Amino acid sequence: MNIITFDSEAKLNEAAARIITGIVQTNPSAVLGLATGGTPVGIYKQLVHDYNEGLVSFKKVTTFNLDEYVGLAPDHHQSYSYYMRENLFNHVDVDASRTNIPSGLASDLVEECSRYDQLIQAAGRIDIQLLGLGHNGHIGFNEPEEELSSGTHVVELAEETKQANARFFSEGEQVPSQAITMGVGTILKAKTLLLVVKGKDKAEIVKRALTGPITTDVPASLLQTHPQLTVLVDQAAGSLLP
């Protein structure tokens, strides 16, 4: 595990983007695992900047997103399909046919999960998986449970998770209670994991995830078992680490 602390968000975003850019420069056909939420926004802005500067092309990459809300159409302003287009895909030369996000509107959600796993397997191992960290230790939408699912599956979102995500929805809009998420087993199969965490409110869960016991009560703690885990934190998020 390699933990790096930054004294500014700009430096952290730049470092994360440089890691991803470096992988694509080395392997233009890289398979990228992508995340959503507030944490990656600055990273994606930096990737767009790198693309505009001619430092990287995404023309041949394949992407897989971690998750999607059940019940939201791709054009809904809070769907992760919309998020990815607004924050990255519309601003770089990625081939839309190579971008993959679970369908929250699938008539058969179990079949959709199976389809998504098959797509990931056909693409080969994910070269780098970008991850954020939930306040309760979730990665993707893998919530604390007695048992965690290895493959893509439908999850009931914890109340804490729904409350944390409510800020992204307009007043009066109902936050979805379910999501499709890539499983922990699939995440751990990626060649490299890049965990990015920001903010004092994440300091305690960062400590538990990275230095506490490995337990399904803190799904992110399973990342400790990965041989190629890089963790980027700001000073506030990393304040409780040894």
Protein backbone atom coordinates (compact mmCIF):
# COMPACT_ATOMS: atom_id res chain seq x y z
CA MET A 1 0.00 0.00 0.00
CA ASN A 2 1.34 3.42 -0.99
CA ILE A 3 -0.30 6.35 0.85
CA ILE A 4 0.46 9.89 -0.33
CA THR A 5 -0.83 13.00 1.44
CA PHE A 6 -1.34 16.35 -0.31
CA ASP A 7 -1.61 19.85 1.11
CA SER A 8 -4.00 21.03 -1.61
CA GLU A 9 -6.86 19.55 -3.58
CA ALA A 10 -5.36 20.80 -6.82
CA LYS A 11 -2.15 18.83 -6.25
CA LEU A 12 -4.12 15.73 -5.32
CA ASN A 13 -6.29 15.95 -8.44
CA GLU A 14 -3.24 16.47 -10.62
CA ALA A 15 -1.45 13.48 -9.11
CA ALA A 16 -4.45 11.19 -9.58
CA ALA A 17 -4.91 12.33 -13.18
CA ARG A 18 -1.20 11.83 -13.90
CA ILE A 19 -1.40 8.22 -12.69
CA ILE A 20 -4.33 7.53 -15.03
CA THR A 21 -2.75 9.47 -17.91
CA GLY A 22 0.50 7.55 -17.46
CA ILE A 23 -1.28 4.21 -17.77
CA VAL A 24 -3.05 5.31 -20.97
CA GLN A 25 0.19 6.71 -22.41
CA THR A 26 1.87 3.36 -21.77
CA ASN A 27 -1.10 1.36 -23.02
CA PRO A 28 -3.43 3.32 -25.32
CA SER A 29 -5.92 0.43 -25.20
CA ALA A 30 -6.08 0.38 -21.40
CA VAL A 31 -9.23 -0.67 -19.54
CA LEU A 32 -10.21 2.02 -17.04
CA GLY A 33 -12.51 1.52 -14.08
CA LEU A 34 -14.19 4.83 -13.29
CA ALA A 35 -15.99 6.28 -10.29
CA THR A 36 -18.53 9.05 -9.74
CA GLY A 37 -19.58 11.36 -6.92
CA GLY A 38 -17.96 14.54 -5.69
CA THR A 39 -14.41 13.22 -5.26
CA PRO A 40 -13.46 12.50 -8.92
CA VAL A 41 -14.79 15.75 -10.43
CA GLY A 42 -11.47 17.58 -10.12
CA ILE A 43 -9.60 14.53 -11.39
CA TYR A 44 -11.74 14.41 -14.52
CA LYS A 45 -11.20 18.14 -15.09
CA GLN A 46 -7.47 17.51 -14.97
CA LEU A 47 -7.80 14.60 -17.42
CA VAL A 48 -9.70 16.88 -19.80
CA HIS A 49 -6.91 19.43 -19.40
CA ASP A 50 -4.29 16.78 -20.19
CA TYR A 51 -6.26 15.77 -23.28
CA ASN A 52 -6.55 19.38 -24.46
CA GLU A 53 -2.81 19.79 -23.97
CA GLY A 54 -2.20 16.81 -26.23
CA LEU A 55 -0.72 14.69 -23.44
CA VAL A 56 -3.13 11.80 -23.79
CA SER A 57 -5.73 10.28 -26.10
CA PHE A 58 -8.63 8.15 -24.89
CA LYS A 59 -9.60 7.00 -28.39
CA LYS A 60 -8.74 3.34 -27.80
CA VAL A 61 -9.51 2.96 -24.09
CA THR A 62 -12.41 0.94 -22.73
CA THR A 63 -14.16 2.17 -19.59
CA PHE A 64 -16.34 0.51 -16.97
CA ASN A 65 -18.12 2.50 -14.31
CA LEU A 66 -18.57 1.12 -10.83
CA ASP A 67 -22.29 1.66 -10.52
CA GLU A 68 -25.59 3.24 -11.51
CA TYR A 69 -28.82 4.07 -9.73
CA VAL A 70 -31.77 1.77 -10.35
CA GLY A 71 -34.68 3.62 -11.94
CA LEU A 72 -32.81 6.56 -13.46
CA ALA A 73 -32.68 7.03 -17.22
CA PRO A 74 -29.27 7.81 -18.80
CA ASP A 75 -30.39 11.39 -19.49
CA HIS A 76 -31.53 12.01 -15.89
CA HIS A 77 -29.39 14.77 -14.41
CA GLN A 78 -28.35 12.57 -11.48
CA SER A 79 -27.70 9.36 -13.38
CA TYR A 80 -24.08 8.35 -13.53
CA SER A 81 -24.35 8.10 -17.32
CA TYR A 82 -25.16 11.82 -17.38
CA TYR A 83 -22.41 12.52 -14.83
CA MET A 84 -19.75 10.81 -16.93
CA ARG A 85 -20.77 12.62 -20.12
CA GLU A 86 -20.81 15.99 -18.39
CA ASN A 87 -17.55 15.56 -16.51
CA LEU A 88 -15.41 13.55 -18.93
CA PHE A 89 -16.77 11.74 -21.96
CA ASN A 90 -18.12 14.80 -23.82
CA HIS A 91 -14.79 16.58 -23.47
CA VAL A 92 -12.30 13.96 -24.67
CA ASP A 93 -11.97 11.66 -27.68
CA VAL A 94 -13.28 8.51 -26.00
CA ASP A 95 -15.30 6.19 -28.24
CA ALA A 96 -18.82 6.12 -26.81
CA SER A 97 -19.19 2.47 -27.85
CA ARG A 98 -16.28 1.61 -25.53
CA THR A 99 -17.84 3.26 -22.46
CA ASN A 100 -19.83 0.94 -20.20
CA ILE A 101 -22.23 1.81 -17.38
CA PRO A 102 -24.86 -0.51 -15.91
CA SER A 103 -28.42 0.19 -17.04
CA GLY A 104 -30.63 1.34 -14.20
CA LEU A 105 -33.70 0.84 -16.39
CA ALA A 106 -33.10 -2.79 -17.30
CA SER A 107 -36.29 -4.84 -17.10
CA ASP A 108 -34.35 -7.74 -15.61
CA LEU A 109 -31.78 -6.40 -13.15
CA VAL A 110 -30.24 -9.80 -12.44
CA GLU A 111 -29.70 -10.33 -16.16
CA GLU A 112 -28.22 -6.84 -16.43
CA CYS A 113 -25.72 -7.64 -13.69
CA SER A 114 -24.73 -10.83 -15.50
CA ARG A 115 -24.38 -8.94 -18.79
CA TYR A 116 -22.12 -6.36 -17.16
CA ASP A 117 -19.87 -9.00 -15.64
CA GLN A 118 -19.56 -10.71 -19.01
CA LEU A 119 -18.52 -7.42 -20.63
CA ILE A 120 -15.83 -6.88 -18.00
CA GLN A 121 -14.53 -10.42 -18.40
CA ALA A 122 -14.43 -10.08 -22.19
CA ALA A 123 -12.39 -6.88 -21.89
CA GLY A 124 -9.78 -8.56 -19.68
CA ARG A 125 -8.53 -7.24 -16.35
CA ILE A 126 -9.20 -3.61 -15.54
CA ASP A 127 -5.84 -1.84 -15.67
CA ILE A 128 -6.68 0.77 -13.04
CA GLN A 129 -9.78 1.16 -10.90
CA LEU A 130 -10.50 4.62 -9.51
CA LEU A 131 -12.30 4.52 -6.16
CA GLY A 132 -13.82 6.93 -3.68
CA LEU A 133 -14.72 6.07 -0.11
CA GLY A 134 -18.13 6.32 1.53
CA HIS A 135 -18.58 7.52 5.10
CA ASN A 136 -19.56 3.99 6.13
CA GLY A 137 -16.64 2.42 4.27
CA HIS A 138 -18.46 1.47 1.10
CA ILE A 139 -16.62 1.22 -2.22
CA GLY A 140 -18.74 1.45 -5.31
CA PHE A 141 -22.10 0.83 -3.67
CA ASN A 142 -20.87 -2.20 -1.74
CA GLU A 143 -22.41 -1.42 1.62
CA PRO A 144 -21.33 -2.96 4.96
CA GLU A 145 -22.81 -6.46 5.18
CA GLU A 146 -22.11 -9.80 6.82
CA GLU A 147 -21.27 -11.10 3.35
CA LEU A 148 -20.15 -9.16 0.28
CA SER A 149 -20.96 -10.07 -3.32
CA SER A 150 -18.08 -10.77 -5.66
CA GLY A 151 -19.77 -9.87 -8.94
CA THR A 152 -22.06 -7.10 -10.15
CA HIS A 153 -25.28 -7.05 -8.16
CA VAL A 154 -28.27 -4.97 -7.03
CA VAL A 155 -27.87 -3.36 -3.63
CA GLU A 156 -30.24 -1.67 -1.22
CA LEU A 157 -28.57 1.64 -0.36
CA ALA A 158 -27.92 2.32 3.31
CA GLU A 159 -29.79 5.25 4.80
CA GLU A 160 -26.47 6.98 5.49
CA THR A 161 -25.54 6.64 1.82
CA LYS A 162 -28.88 8.04 0.65
CA GLN A 163 -28.52 11.00 3.00
CA ALA A 164 -25.00 11.68 1.75
CA ASN A 165 -26.18 11.61 -1.88
CA ALA A 166 -29.31 13.69 -1.26
CA ARG A 167 -27.29 16.89 -1.74
CA PHE A 168 -26.95 16.07 -5.44
CA PHE A 169 -30.73 15.90 -5.97
CA SER A 170 -33.14 18.80 -6.28
CA GLU A 171 -35.42 19.59 -3.37
CA GLY A 172 -38.37 17.25 -3.42
CA GLU A 173 -36.66 14.66 -5.59
CA GLN A 174 -36.52 11.18 -4.17
CA VAL A 175 -33.06 9.68 -3.82
CA PRO A 176 -33.05 6.18 -5.36
CA SER A 177 -33.01 3.37 -2.81
CA GLN A 178 -31.29 0.82 -5.05
CA ALA A 179 -28.26 0.71 -7.29
CA ILE A 180 -26.39 -1.72 -9.50
CA THR A 181 -22.78 -1.97 -8.40
CA MET A 182 -19.64 -3.76 -9.45
CA GLY A 183 -18.79 -6.34 -6.79
CA VAL A 184 -15.80 -6.27 -4.46
CA GLY A 185 -14.35 -9.35 -6.15
CA THR A 186 -14.31 -7.59 -9.52
CA ILE A 187 -12.79 -4.45 -7.99
CA LEU A 188 -10.00 -6.47 -6.39
CA LYS A 189 -9.16 -8.14 -9.72
CA ALA A 190 -8.03 -4.79 -11.19
CA LYS A 191 -4.28 -4.58 -11.77
CA THR A 192 -4.01 -1.29 -9.88
CA LEU A 193 -6.38 0.35 -7.41
CA LEU A 194 -6.39 4.12 -6.94
CA LEU A 195 -8.29 5.23 -3.83
CA VAL A 196 -8.84 8.98 -3.50
CA VAL A 197 -10.29 10.52 -0.35
CA LYS A 198 -10.83 14.15 0.59
CA GLY A 199 -12.12 15.96 3.68
CA LYS A 200 -11.98 15.86 7.46
CA ASP A 201 -15.33 14.06 7.59
CA LYS A 202 -13.63 11.03 6.02
CA ALA A 203 -10.66 10.91 8.42
CA GLU A 204 -12.10 8.28 10.75
CA ILE A 205 -13.23 5.91 8.00
CA VAL A 206 -9.88 6.33 6.22
CA LYS A 207 -8.14 5.18 9.38
CA ARG A 208 -10.50 2.21 9.83
CA ALA A 209 -10.27 1.19 6.17
CA LEU A 210 -6.51 1.35 5.88
CA THR A 211 -5.23 0.45 9.34
CA GLY A 212 -8.09 -1.43 11.00
CA PRO A 213 -9.05 -5.10 10.75
CA ILE A 214 -10.14 -6.47 7.38
CA THR A 215 -13.89 -6.89 7.73
CA THR A 216 -17.03 -6.76 5.62
CA ASP A 217 -18.32 -4.20 8.13
CA VAL A 218 -15.89 -1.83 6.39
CA PRO A 219 -15.86 -3.00 2.76
CA ALA A 220 -12.94 -0.71 1.88
CA SER A 221 -10.76 -2.56 4.38
CA LEU A 222 -10.56 -5.41 1.86
CA LEU A 223 -8.43 -3.11 -0.28
CA GLN A 224 -5.60 -3.82 2.17
CA THR A 225 -5.27 -7.25 0.49
CA HIS A 226 -4.45 -5.77 -2.92
CA PRO A 227 -0.78 -5.81 -4.01
CA GLN A 228 -1.02 -2.58 -6.01
CA LEU A 229 -3.03 -0.11 -3.93
CA THR A 230 -2.25 3.61 -4.15
CA VAL A 231 -4.08 5.93 -1.76
CA LEU A 232 -4.20 9.70 -2.31
CA VAL A 233 -5.59 11.77 0.56
CA ASP A 234 -5.63 15.41 1.48
CA GLN A 235 -4.23 16.39 4.86
CA ALA A 236 -7.67 16.47 6.46
CA ALA A 237 -8.70 13.00 5.28
CA GLY A 238 -5.35 11.55 6.29
CA SER A 239 -5.11 13.35 9.64
CA LEU A 240 -5.72 10.22 11.76
CA LEU A 241 -3.33 7.94 9.90
CA PRO A 242 -0.13 6.90 11.69
